Amino acid sequence: MLGDRLRKLRQEKKLTQEELGKKINVTKVSISGYENGNRTPDTETLQKLADFFNVTTDYLLGRTDHPNPPDQDDIPEELKDPELGLFFKELAEAPEERREQLLKIWEILKSEGDRKPKGK
């Protein structure tokens, strides 16, 4: 995964392995080894690669398909609440049937909240 992503990023910038190596202070042989899967960069080199290409180390390692994490400014304030974040995480990971049940319950709660109390 690392090799494929590294090669793709390097080619997008139209750099040779040697040019990339010079930019992050490693040899062409090292870059070739990373791309071919014969070598693994140490943590410092991995971070240099991520910084150079403006992606996360998780993206380079294949832990995520998102090159950049969402900018905190792009996340609505309501979703930054840890309890709500946990709720949404659990909702997203729930089986489809359970998710549908939870969404129905949510709709019921919303509709009851919209009703005005009688006698007041």
C-alpha atoms as a PDB file:
ATOM      1  CA  MET A   1       0.000   0.000   0.000  1.00  0.00           C
ATOM      2  CA  LEU A   2       2.759   2.455   0.989  1.00  0.00           C
ATOM      3  CA  GLY A   3       4.687   1.778  -2.196  1.00  0.00           C
ATOM      4  CA  ASP A   4       1.728   2.306  -4.499  1.00  0.00           C
ATOM      5  CA  ARG A   5       0.652   5.504  -2.795  1.00  0.00           C
ATOM      6  CA  LEU A   6       4.172   6.876  -2.644  1.00  0.00           C
ATOM      7  CA  ARG A   7       4.747   6.162  -6.346  1.00  0.00           C
ATOM      8  CA  LYS A   8       1.408   7.771  -7.284  1.00  0.00           C
ATOM      9  CA  LEU A   9       2.101  10.907  -5.229  1.00  0.00           C
ATOM     10  CA  ARG A  10       5.630  11.201  -6.618  1.00  0.00           C
ATOM     11  CA  GLN A  11       4.429  10.819 -10.194  1.00  0.00           C
ATOM     12  CA  GLU A  12       1.662  13.385  -9.658  1.00  0.00           C
ATOM     13  CA  LYS A  13       4.385  15.886  -8.752  1.00  0.00           C
ATOM     14  CA  LYS A  14       6.400  14.740 -11.774  1.00  0.00           C
ATOM     15  CA  LEU A  15       9.425  13.864  -9.658  1.00  0.00           C
ATOM     16  CA  THR A  16      11.973  11.146 -10.223  1.00  0.00           C
ATOM     17  CA  GLN A  17      12.916   8.882  -7.336  1.00  0.00           C
ATOM     18  CA  GLU A  18      16.236  10.692  -7.161  1.00  0.00           C
ATOM     19  CA  GLU A  19      14.592  14.133  -6.997  1.00  0.00           C
ATOM     20  CA  LEU A  20      12.237  13.034  -4.224  1.00  0.00           C
ATOM     21  CA  GLY A  21      15.121  11.492  -2.324  1.00  0.00           C
ATOM     22  CA  LYS A  22      17.065  14.750  -2.448  1.00  0.00           C
ATOM     23  CA  LYS A  23      14.050  16.711  -1.201  1.00  0.00           C
ATOM     24  CA  ILE A  24      13.665  14.553   1.916  1.00  0.00           C
ATOM     25  CA  ASN A  25      17.345  13.673   2.302  1.00  0.00           C
ATOM     26  CA  VAL A  26      17.320   9.957   1.439  1.00  0.00           C
ATOM     27  CA  THR A  27      18.837   8.048  -1.463  1.00  0.00           C
ATOM     28  CA  LYS A  28      17.176   7.071  -4.727  1.00  0.00           C
ATOM     29  CA  VAL A  29      17.727   3.457  -3.675  1.00  0.00           C
ATOM     30  CA  SER A  30      15.686   4.082  -0.514  1.00  0.00           C
ATOM     31  CA  ILE A  31      12.797   5.632  -2.460  1.00  0.00           C
ATOM     32  CA  SER A  32      12.886   2.740  -4.915  1.00  0.00           C
ATOM     33  CA  GLY A  33      12.845   0.276  -2.019  1.00  0.00           C
ATOM     34  CA  TYR A  34       9.839   1.989  -0.416  1.00  0.00           C
ATOM     35  CA  GLU A  35       7.937   1.981  -3.704  1.00  0.00           C
ATOM     36  CA  ASN A  36       8.755  -1.659  -4.445  1.00  0.00           C
ATOM     37  CA  GLY A  37       7.938  -2.806  -0.922  1.00  0.00           C
ATOM     38  CA  ASN A  38      11.490  -3.993  -0.234  1.00  0.00           C
ATOM     39  CA  ARG A  39      12.127  -1.360   2.437  1.00  0.00           C
ATOM     40  CA  THR A  40      10.080   0.404   5.080  1.00  0.00           C
ATOM     41  CA  PRO A  41      10.834   4.014   5.972  1.00  0.00           C
ATOM     42  CA  ASP A  42      11.597   4.800   9.599  1.00  0.00           C
ATOM     43  CA  THR A  43       9.096   7.018  11.409  1.00  0.00           C
ATOM     44  CA  GLU A  44      11.087  10.188  10.744  1.00  0.00           C
ATOM     45  CA  THR A  45      11.296   9.510   7.002  1.00  0.00           C
ATOM     46  CA  LEU A  46       7.646   8.510   6.866  1.00  0.00           C
ATOM     47  CA  GLN A  47       6.726  11.841   8.456  1.00  0.00           C
ATOM     48  CA  LYS A  48       8.967  13.711   6.000  1.00  0.00           C
ATOM     49  CA  LEU A  49       7.184  11.995   3.112  1.00  0.00           C
ATOM     50  CA  ALA A  50       3.767  12.821   4.561  1.00  0.00           C
ATOM     51  CA  ASP A  51       4.752  16.446   5.127  1.00  0.00           C
ATOM     52  CA  PHE A  52       6.253  16.782   1.660  1.00  0.00           C
ATOM     53  CA  PHE A  53       3.126  15.431  -0.043  1.00  0.00           C
ATOM     54  CA  ASN A  54       0.775  17.132   2.429  1.00  0.00           C
ATOM     55  CA  VAL A  55      -0.929  13.877   3.416  1.00  0.00           C
ATOM     56  CA  THR A  56      -1.175  11.951   6.670  1.00  0.00           C
ATOM     57  CA  THR A  57       1.085   9.065   7.598  1.00  0.00           C
ATOM     58  CA  ASP A  58      -2.095   6.991   7.992  1.00  0.00           C
ATOM     59  CA  TYR A  59      -2.881   7.648   4.340  1.00  0.00           C
ATOM     60  CA  LEU A  60       0.607   6.593   3.237  1.00  0.00           C
ATOM     61  CA  LEU A  61       0.362   3.414   5.306  1.00  0.00           C
ATOM     62  CA  GLY A  62      -3.082   2.550   3.955  1.00  0.00           C
ATOM     63  CA  ARG A  63      -4.898   2.989   7.265  1.00  0.00           C
ATOM     64  CA  THR A  64      -7.277   5.476   5.629  1.00  0.00           C
ATOM     65  CA  ASP A  65      -8.283   6.386   2.121  1.00  0.00           C
ATOM     66  CA  HIS A  66      -8.487  10.064   3.015  1.00  0.00           C
ATOM     67  CA  PRO A  67      -5.203  11.854   2.263  1.00  0.00           C
ATOM     68  CA  ASN A  68      -5.961  14.692   4.669  1.00  0.00           C
ATOM     69  CA  PRO A  69      -7.921  14.678   7.909  1.00  0.00           C
ATOM     70  CA  PRO A  70     -10.927  16.991   7.994  1.00  0.00           C
ATOM     71  CA  ASP A  71     -10.062  20.513   9.036  1.00  0.00           C
ATOM     72  CA  GLN A  72     -11.434  21.184  12.515  1.00  0.00           C
ATOM     73  CA  ASP A  73     -12.986  24.382  11.158  1.00  0.00           C
ATOM     74  CA  ASP A  74     -15.041  22.289   8.713  1.00  0.00           C
ATOM     75  CA  ILE A  75     -16.628  20.226  11.496  1.00  0.00           C
ATOM     76  CA  PRO A  76     -19.828  21.700  12.941  1.00  0.00           C
ATOM     77  CA  GLU A  77     -19.490  22.642  16.619  1.00  0.00           C
ATOM     78  CA  GLU A  78     -22.245  20.206  17.581  1.00  0.00           C
ATOM     79  CA  LEU A  79     -20.239  17.265  16.262  1.00  0.00           C
ATOM     80  CA  LYS A  80     -17.161  18.173  18.298  1.00  0.00           C
ATOM     81  CA  ASP A  81     -18.986  17.122  21.497  1.00  0.00           C
ATOM     82  CA  PRO A  82     -17.328  13.832  22.597  1.00  0.00           C
ATOM     83  CA  GLU A  83     -20.632  12.233  23.638  1.00  0.00           C
ATOM     84  CA  LEU A  84     -22.262  13.056  20.314  1.00  0.00           C
ATOM     85  CA  GLY A  85     -19.179  11.828  18.499  1.00  0.00           C
ATOM     86  CA  LEU A  86     -19.450   8.504  20.326  1.00  0.00           C
ATOM     87  CA  PHE A  87     -23.156   8.308  19.470  1.00  0.00           C
ATOM     88  CA  PHE A  88     -22.506   8.925  15.770  1.00  0.00           C
ATOM     89  CA  LYS A  89     -19.623   6.439  15.758  1.00  0.00           C
ATOM     90  CA  GLU A  90     -21.829   3.747  17.283  1.00  0.00           C
ATOM     91  CA  LEU A  91     -24.663   4.624  14.916  1.00  0.00           C
ATOM     92  CA  ALA A  92     -22.362   4.373  11.900  1.00  0.00           C
ATOM     93  CA  GLU A  93     -20.998   1.002  13.039  1.00  0.00           C
ATOM     94  CA  ALA A  94     -24.407  -0.482  13.926  1.00  0.00           C
ATOM     95  CA  PRO A  95     -25.938  -3.127  11.668  1.00  0.00           C
ATOM     96  CA  GLU A  96     -28.361  -1.708   9.087  1.00  0.00           C
ATOM     97  CA  GLU A  97     -31.471  -3.018  10.880  1.00  0.00           C
ATOM     98  CA  ARG A  98     -30.402  -1.477  14.187  1.00  0.00           C
ATOM     99  CA  ARG A  99     -29.599   1.832  12.481  1.00  0.00           C
ATOM    100  CA  GLU A 100     -33.085   1.922  10.966  1.00  0.00           C
ATOM    101  CA  GLN A 101     -34.618   1.299  14.408  1.00  0.00           C
ATOM    102  CA  LEU A 102     -32.588   4.097  15.962  1.00  0.00           C
ATOM    103  CA  LEU A 103     -33.533   6.513  13.199  1.00  0.00           C
ATOM    104  CA  LYS A 104     -37.241   5.681  13.685  1.00  0.00           C
ATOM    105  CA  ILE A 105     -36.905   6.351  17.415  1.00  0.00           C
ATOM    106  CA  TRP A 106     -35.205   9.646  16.611  1.00  0.00           C
ATOM    107  CA  GLU A 107     -38.069  10.654  14.287  1.00  0.00           C
ATOM    108  CA  ILE A 108     -40.609   9.865  17.032  1.00  0.00           C
ATOM    109  CA  LEU A 109     -38.684  11.935  19.562  1.00  0.00           C
ATOM    110  CA  LYS A 110     -38.427  14.834  17.123  1.00  0.00           C
ATOM    111  CA  SER A 111     -42.138  14.791  16.323  1.00  0.00           C
ATOM    112  CA  GLU A 112     -43.052  14.715  20.029  1.00  0.00           C
ATOM    113  CA  GLY A 113     -40.731  17.637  20.672  1.00  0.00           C
ATOM    114  CA  ASP A 114     -42.513  19.645  17.986  1.00  0.00           C
ATOM    115  CA  ARG A 115     -45.885  19.242  19.703  1.00  0.00           C
ATOM    116  CA  LYS A 116     -46.964  21.967  22.061  1.00  0.00           C
ATOM    117  CA  PRO A 117     -47.861  20.828  25.578  1.00  0.00           C
ATOM    118  CA  LYS A 118     -51.633  20.841  26.195  1.00  0.00           C
ATOM    119  CA  GLY A 119     -53.060  23.274  28.705  1.00  0.00           C
ATOM    120  CA  LYS A 120     -50.082  25.622  28.764  1.00  0.00           C
END
